[in-house]
Amino acid sequence: MKKTAFTQAALIVLFTVCFLSTTKNLIEKVSIKSSFTTDSALNNKKNKTIIYDSAKGLKTDKLIKNLKQLDVFDKNGRKVLSINKFGSTIFLNSLKTGSYSIKVESKKGEIEYMKLIKR
């Protein structure tokens, strides 16, 4: 009887250790993947903060040359606006007051990330 109980206890401990180590590895992999894009965007030396004025709009010459695409993301990372046709000024009046991240892509394929604050 004691051998069987000991064997069962040993198997439970072994299973627990294997499960915890596997779970830890998965958590590490997920956190590394999720922080990679954030870190690469934050480490970009070209990061700018733009204060948006509803009356004046956003001048495209302040963003990037040969603008192809502009995507606006909210604090949760959801894309709330995407623009691919531009004049000299972009009006973002449909956005609520707050801070956003914008991704700007040029026709050459260059991508910049910026912070946008709409008052």
N, C-alpha and C. Protein backbone atom coordinates (compact mmCIF):
# COMPACT_ATOMS: atom_id res chain seq x y z
N MET A 1 0.82 -1.20 0.00
CA MET A 1 0.00 0.00 0.00
C MET A 1 0.86 1.25 0.00
N LYS A 2 1.95 1.24 0.76
CA LYS A 2 2.78 2.43 0.84
C LYS A 2 3.52 2.68 -0.47
N LYS A 3 3.90 1.60 -1.17
CA LYS A 3 4.59 1.76 -2.45
C LYS A 3 3.66 2.42 -3.48
N THR A 4 2.42 2.02 -3.51
CA THR A 4 1.46 2.56 -4.47
C THR A 4 1.21 4.04 -4.18
N ALA A 5 1.03 4.41 -2.94
CA ALA A 5 0.80 5.81 -2.57
C ALA A 5 2.02 6.66 -2.92
N PHE A 6 3.22 6.11 -2.65
CA PHE A 6 4.44 6.83 -2.97
C PHE A 6 4.58 7.03 -4.48
N THR A 7 4.28 5.99 -5.24
CA THR A 7 4.35 6.08 -6.70
C THR A 7 3.37 7.10 -7.24
N GLN A 8 2.16 7.09 -6.71
CA GLN A 8 1.15 8.07 -7.13
C GLN A 8 1.60 9.50 -6.81
N ALA A 9 2.14 9.69 -5.63
CA ALA A 9 2.61 11.02 -5.22
C ALA A 9 3.75 11.48 -6.13
N ALA A 10 4.66 10.56 -6.44
CA ALA A 10 5.78 10.89 -7.32
C ALA A 10 5.29 11.27 -8.71
N LEU A 11 4.30 10.54 -9.21
CA LEU A 11 3.75 10.86 -10.53
C LEU A 11 3.05 12.22 -10.53
N ILE A 12 2.34 12.52 -9.46
CA ILE A 12 1.67 13.82 -9.36
C ILE A 12 2.69 14.95 -9.33
N VAL A 13 3.75 14.79 -8.56
CA VAL A 13 4.80 15.81 -8.50
C VAL A 13 5.46 15.96 -9.86
N LEU A 14 5.77 14.87 -10.52
CA LEU A 14 6.40 14.92 -11.84
C LEU A 14 5.49 15.62 -12.85
N PHE A 15 4.21 15.27 -12.84
CA PHE A 15 3.26 15.90 -13.74
C PHE A 15 3.16 17.40 -13.48
N THR A 16 3.11 17.80 -12.23
CA THR A 16 3.01 19.21 -11.86
C THR A 16 4.23 19.99 -12.32
N VAL A 17 5.41 19.42 -12.11
CA VAL A 17 6.65 20.09 -12.54
C VAL A 17 6.67 20.26 -14.06
N CYS A 18 6.32 19.21 -14.78
CA CYS A 18 6.29 19.29 -16.25
C CYS A 18 5.27 20.31 -16.73
N PHE A 19 4.10 20.32 -16.12
CA PHE A 19 3.05 21.26 -16.51
C PHE A 19 3.46 22.70 -16.25
N LEU A 20 4.04 22.96 -15.08
CA LEU A 20 4.45 24.32 -14.75
C LEU A 20 5.58 24.80 -15.64
N SER A 21 6.54 23.95 -15.95
CA SER A 21 7.64 24.38 -16.81
C SER A 21 7.14 24.65 -18.23
N THR A 22 6.21 23.84 -18.72
CA THR A 22 5.65 24.06 -20.05
C THR A 22 4.84 25.35 -20.08
N THR A 23 4.05 25.59 -19.06
CA THR A 23 3.24 26.80 -18.98
C THR A 23 4.13 28.03 -18.91
N LYS A 24 5.21 27.96 -18.13
CA LYS A 24 6.14 29.07 -18.01
C LYS A 24 6.76 29.40 -19.36
N ASN A 25 7.18 28.37 -20.12
CA ASN A 25 7.76 28.59 -21.45
C ASN A 25 6.76 29.24 -22.38
N LEU A 26 5.51 28.81 -22.34
CA LEU A 26 4.49 29.41 -23.19
C LEU A 26 4.25 30.86 -22.83
N ILE A 27 4.19 31.16 -21.55
CA ILE A 27 3.98 32.54 -21.11
C ILE A 27 5.14 33.41 -21.56
N GLU A 28 6.38 32.92 -21.43
CA GLU A 28 7.54 33.68 -21.87
C GLU A 28 7.49 33.94 -23.37
N LYS A 29 7.12 32.93 -24.16
CA LYS A 29 7.05 33.11 -25.60
C LYS A 29 5.99 34.14 -25.98
N VAL A 30 4.84 34.09 -25.35
CA VAL A 30 3.77 35.04 -25.64
C VAL A 30 4.18 36.44 -25.26
N SER A 31 4.80 36.63 -24.10
CA SER A 31 5.19 37.96 -23.68
C SER A 31 6.31 38.51 -24.56
N ILE A 32 7.21 37.66 -25.03
CA ILE A 32 8.26 38.12 -25.92
C ILE A 32 7.67 38.56 -27.25
N LYS A 33 6.75 37.79 -27.82
CA LYS A 33 6.15 38.16 -29.08
C LYS A 33 5.31 39.42 -28.97
N SER A 34 4.55 39.58 -27.90
CA SER A 34 3.69 40.74 -27.78
C SER A 34 4.48 42.00 -27.50
N SER A 35 5.62 41.89 -26.81
CA SER A 35 6.40 43.09 -26.51
C SER A 35 7.32 43.46 -27.65
N PHE A 36 7.54 42.57 -28.60
CA PHE A 36 8.47 42.86 -29.69
C PHE A 36 8.02 44.04 -30.53
N THR A 37 6.76 44.05 -30.96
CA THR A 37 6.30 45.14 -31.81
C THR A 37 6.25 46.44 -31.04
N THR A 38 5.86 46.39 -29.79
CA THR A 38 5.81 47.60 -28.99
C THR A 38 7.21 48.16 -28.80
N ASP A 39 8.17 47.29 -28.46
CA ASP A 39 9.53 47.75 -28.25
C ASP A 39 10.14 48.30 -29.53
N SER A 40 9.89 47.65 -30.66
CA SER A 40 10.48 48.14 -31.90
C SER A 40 9.88 49.48 -32.28
N ALA A 41 8.61 49.69 -31.98
CA ALA A 41 8.00 50.99 -32.26
C ALA A 41 8.53 52.05 -31.31
N LEU A 42 8.74 51.70 -30.05
CA LEU A 42 9.22 52.67 -29.08
C LEU A 42 10.69 53.01 -29.29
N ASN A 43 11.47 52.06 -29.79
CA ASN A 43 12.89 52.30 -30.00
C ASN A 43 13.19 53.01 -31.31
N ASN A 44 12.17 53.24 -32.11
CA ASN A 44 12.35 53.94 -33.37
C ASN A 44 12.78 55.37 -33.07
N LYS A 45 13.93 55.79 -33.60
CA LYS A 45 14.47 57.11 -33.30
C LYS A 45 13.64 58.23 -33.94
N LYS A 46 12.80 57.90 -34.89
CA LYS A 46 12.02 58.92 -35.59
C LYS A 46 10.67 59.18 -34.92
N ASN A 47 10.43 58.59 -33.75
CA ASN A 47 9.15 58.78 -33.07
C ASN A 47 8.92 60.25 -32.78
N LYS A 48 7.71 60.68 -33.02
CA LYS A 48 7.31 62.06 -32.78
C LYS A 48 5.99 62.04 -32.04
N THR A 49 5.70 63.13 -31.36
CA THR A 49 4.38 63.32 -30.78
C THR A 49 3.76 64.50 -31.50
N ILE A 50 2.56 64.29 -32.00
CA ILE A 50 1.85 65.33 -32.75
C ILE A 50 0.63 65.74 -31.95
N ILE A 51 0.50 67.05 -31.74
CA ILE A 51 -0.69 67.59 -31.09
C ILE A 51 -1.63 68.02 -32.21
N TYR A 52 -2.79 67.37 -32.27
CA TYR A 52 -3.74 67.64 -33.35
C TYR A 52 -4.64 68.80 -32.99
N ASP A 53 -4.75 69.76 -33.90
CA ASP A 53 -5.64 70.91 -33.73
C ASP A 53 -6.79 70.75 -34.72
N SER A 54 -8.00 70.61 -34.22
CA SER A 54 -9.17 70.36 -35.07
C SER A 54 -9.41 71.48 -36.07
N ALA A 55 -9.06 72.70 -35.72
CA ALA A 55 -9.29 73.83 -36.62
C ALA A 55 -8.32 73.84 -37.79
N LYS A 56 -7.07 73.47 -37.53
CA LYS A 56 -6.04 73.52 -38.58
C LYS A 56 -5.87 72.19 -39.31
N GLY A 57 -6.21 71.09 -38.66
CA GLY A 57 -6.00 69.78 -39.26
C GLY A 57 -4.56 69.34 -39.12
N LEU A 58 -4.22 68.28 -39.79
CA LEU A 58 -2.87 67.72 -39.73
C LEU A 58 -2.22 67.90 -41.09
N LYS A 59 -1.14 68.65 -41.13
CA LYS A 59 -0.43 68.90 -42.39
C LYS A 59 0.37 67.65 -42.77
N THR A 60 0.19 67.20 -44.00
CA THR A 60 0.87 65.98 -44.44
C THR A 60 2.38 66.15 -44.54
N ASP A 61 2.86 67.37 -44.73
CA ASP A 61 4.31 67.57 -44.83
C ASP A 61 5.01 67.36 -43.48
N LYS A 62 4.26 67.34 -42.37
CA LYS A 62 4.84 67.07 -41.05
C LYS A 62 5.03 65.57 -40.82
N LEU A 63 4.44 64.74 -41.64
CA LEU A 63 4.45 63.30 -41.41
C LEU A 63 5.63 62.62 -42.09
N ILE A 64 5.55 62.45 -43.39
CA ILE A 64 6.56 61.71 -44.15
C ILE A 64 6.40 62.11 -45.61
N LYS A 65 7.48 62.06 -46.37
CA LYS A 65 7.40 62.39 -47.79
C LYS A 65 6.74 61.25 -48.55
N ASN A 66 6.01 61.58 -49.60
CA ASN A 66 5.33 60.60 -50.47
C ASN A 66 4.43 59.67 -49.65
N LEU A 67 3.51 60.25 -48.94
CA LEU A 67 2.61 59.52 -48.05
C LEU A 67 1.72 58.57 -48.84
N LYS A 68 1.66 57.31 -48.41
CA LYS A 68 0.84 56.30 -49.07
C LYS A 68 -0.34 55.87 -48.20
N GLN A 69 -0.11 55.65 -46.91
CA GLN A 69 -1.12 55.10 -46.01
C GLN A 69 -0.94 55.68 -44.62
N LEU A 70 -2.04 56.00 -43.96
CA LEU A 70 -2.02 56.45 -42.58
C LEU A 70 -3.06 55.65 -41.80
N ASP A 71 -2.61 54.95 -40.76
CA ASP A 71 -3.50 54.16 -39.91
C ASP A 71 -3.47 54.74 -38.51
N VAL A 72 -4.64 54.87 -37.89
CA VAL A 72 -4.75 55.41 -36.54
C VAL A 72 -5.24 54.28 -35.63
N PHE A 73 -4.54 54.09 -34.50
CA PHE A 73 -4.86 53.03 -33.54
C PHE A 73 -5.19 53.66 -32.19
N ASP A 74 -6.19 53.09 -31.49
CA ASP A 74 -6.53 53.58 -30.16
C ASP A 74 -5.60 52.96 -29.12
N LYS A 75 -5.85 53.24 -27.84
CA LYS A 75 -4.99 52.75 -26.76
C LYS A 75 -4.96 51.23 -26.67
N ASN A 76 -6.01 50.57 -27.13
CA ASN A 76 -6.08 49.11 -27.09
C ASN A 76 -5.46 48.44 -28.30
N GLY A 77 -4.94 49.23 -29.23
CA GLY A 77 -4.30 48.69 -30.42
C GLY A 77 -5.24 48.40 -31.56
N ARG A 78 -6.50 48.80 -31.43
CA ARG A 78 -7.47 48.59 -32.51
C ARG A 78 -7.35 49.71 -33.54
N LYS A 79 -7.40 49.33 -34.80
CA LYS A 79 -7.36 50.32 -35.87
C LYS A 79 -8.72 51.03 -35.92
N VAL A 80 -8.70 52.34 -35.71
CA VAL A 80 -9.95 53.10 -35.70
C VAL A 80 -10.14 53.93 -36.97
N LEU A 81 -9.06 54.12 -37.73
CA LEU A 81 -9.16 54.93 -38.94
C LEU A 81 -8.02 54.55 -39.88
N SER A 82 -8.32 54.48 -41.16
CA SER A 82 -7.30 54.20 -42.17
C SER A 82 -7.54 55.13 -43.35
N ILE A 83 -6.49 55.84 -43.76
CA ILE A 83 -6.62 56.82 -44.85
C ILE A 83 -5.56 56.50 -45.90
N ASN A 84 -5.97 56.50 -47.17
CA ASN A 84 -5.00 56.28 -48.24
C ASN A 84 -5.12 57.31 -49.37
N LYS A 85 -5.97 58.32 -49.21
CA LYS A 85 -6.07 59.42 -50.17
C LYS A 85 -5.84 60.72 -49.42
N PHE A 86 -4.88 61.51 -49.89
CA PHE A 86 -4.44 62.67 -49.13
C PHE A 86 -4.44 63.94 -49.96
N GLY A 87 -4.72 65.03 -49.28
CA GLY A 87 -4.47 66.36 -49.80
C GLY A 87 -3.31 66.92 -48.99
N SER A 88 -3.23 68.22 -48.88
CA SER A 88 -2.16 68.81 -48.08
C SER A 88 -2.49 68.79 -46.59
N THR A 89 -3.78 68.64 -46.27
CA THR A 89 -4.22 68.61 -44.87
C THR A 89 -5.15 67.44 -44.64
N ILE A 90 -4.99 66.78 -43.49
CA ILE A 90 -5.85 65.67 -43.10
C ILE A 90 -6.67 66.11 -41.89
N PHE A 91 -7.97 65.93 -41.96
CA PHE A 91 -8.83 66.27 -40.83
C PHE A 91 -9.29 64.98 -40.17
N LEU A 92 -9.05 64.90 -38.87
CA LEU A 92 -9.38 63.71 -38.09
C LEU A 92 -10.51 64.01 -37.11
N ASN A 93 -11.51 64.73 -37.57
CA ASN A 93 -12.60 65.16 -36.69
C ASN A 93 -13.47 64.00 -36.20
N SER A 94 -13.41 62.85 -36.88
CA SER A 94 -14.22 61.71 -36.46
C SER A 94 -13.65 61.04 -35.20
N LEU A 95 -12.40 61.36 -34.84
CA LEU A 95 -11.79 60.77 -33.65
C LEU A 95 -12.22 61.52 -32.40
N LYS A 96 -12.38 60.77 -31.31
CA LYS A 96 -12.69 61.37 -30.02
C LYS A 96 -11.42 61.95 -29.41
N THR A 97 -11.58 62.82 -28.44
CA THR A 97 -10.45 63.40 -27.73
C THR A 97 -9.68 62.28 -27.02
N GLY A 98 -8.35 62.33 -27.12
CA GLY A 98 -7.53 61.31 -26.47
C GLY A 98 -6.20 61.15 -27.17
N SER A 99 -5.47 60.10 -26.81
CA SER A 99 -4.18 59.84 -27.45
C SER A 99 -4.29 58.60 -28.32
N TYR A 100 -3.59 58.64 -29.42
CA TYR A 100 -3.62 57.58 -30.42
C TYR A 100 -2.20 57.31 -30.90
N SER A 101 -2.00 56.15 -31.48
CA SER A 101 -0.77 55.84 -32.18
C SER A 101 -1.09 55.86 -33.66
N ILE A 102 -0.19 56.42 -34.44
CA ILE A 102 -0.41 56.41 -35.88
C ILE A 102 0.76 55.72 -36.57
N LYS A 103 0.42 55.01 -37.61
CA LYS A 103 1.41 54.33 -38.43
C LYS A 103 1.34 55.00 -39.80
N VAL A 104 2.47 55.52 -40.24
CA VAL A 104 2.54 56.24 -41.50
C VAL A 104 3.45 55.48 -42.44
N GLU A 105 2.95 55.20 -43.64
CA GLU A 105 3.74 54.45 -44.62
C GLU A 105 3.94 55.30 -45.87
N SER A 106 5.18 55.31 -46.37
CA SER A 106 5.49 56.06 -47.59
C SER A 106 5.33 55.15 -48.80
N LYS A 107 5.37 55.74 -49.97
CA LYS A 107 5.27 54.96 -51.20
C LYS A 107 6.49 54.07 -51.42
N LYS A 108 7.60 54.40 -50.76
CA LYS A 108 8.81 53.58 -50.85
C LYS A 108 8.77 52.40 -49.88
N GLY A 109 7.75 52.34 -49.04
CA GLY A 109 7.63 51.26 -48.08
C GLY A 109 8.19 51.57 -46.70
N GLU A 110 8.67 52.81 -46.50
CA GLU A 110 9.17 53.21 -45.18
C GLU A 110 7.99 53.37 -44.23
N ILE A 111 8.16 52.92 -43.00
CA ILE A 111 7.09 52.99 -42.01
C ILE A 111 7.60 53.75 -40.79
N GLU A 112 6.78 54.68 -40.30
CA GLU A 112 7.08 55.41 -39.08
C GLU A 112 5.90 55.32 -38.14
N TYR A 113 6.19 55.26 -36.85
CA TYR A 113 5.15 55.26 -35.83
C TYR A 113 5.23 56.57 -35.07
N MET A 114 4.10 57.17 -34.80
CA MET A 114 4.05 58.43 -34.08
C MET A 114 2.92 58.41 -33.08
N LYS A 115 3.00 59.29 -32.12
CA LYS A 115 1.94 59.44 -31.14
C LYS A 115 1.13 60.67 -31.52
N LEU A 116 -0.18 60.55 -31.49
CA LEU A 116 -1.09 61.64 -31.82
C LEU A 116 -1.95 61.96 -30.61
N ILE A 117 -1.99 63.21 -30.24
CA ILE A 117 -2.85 63.64 -29.14
C ILE A 117 -3.89 64.59 -29.72
N LYS A 118 -5.16 64.21 -29.58
CA LYS A 118 -6.25 65.04 -30.06
C LYS A 118 -6.92 65.67 -28.86
N ARG A 119 -6.98 67.00 -28.88
CA ARG A 119 -7.59 67.74 -27.76
C ARG A 119 -8.99 68.15 -28.10
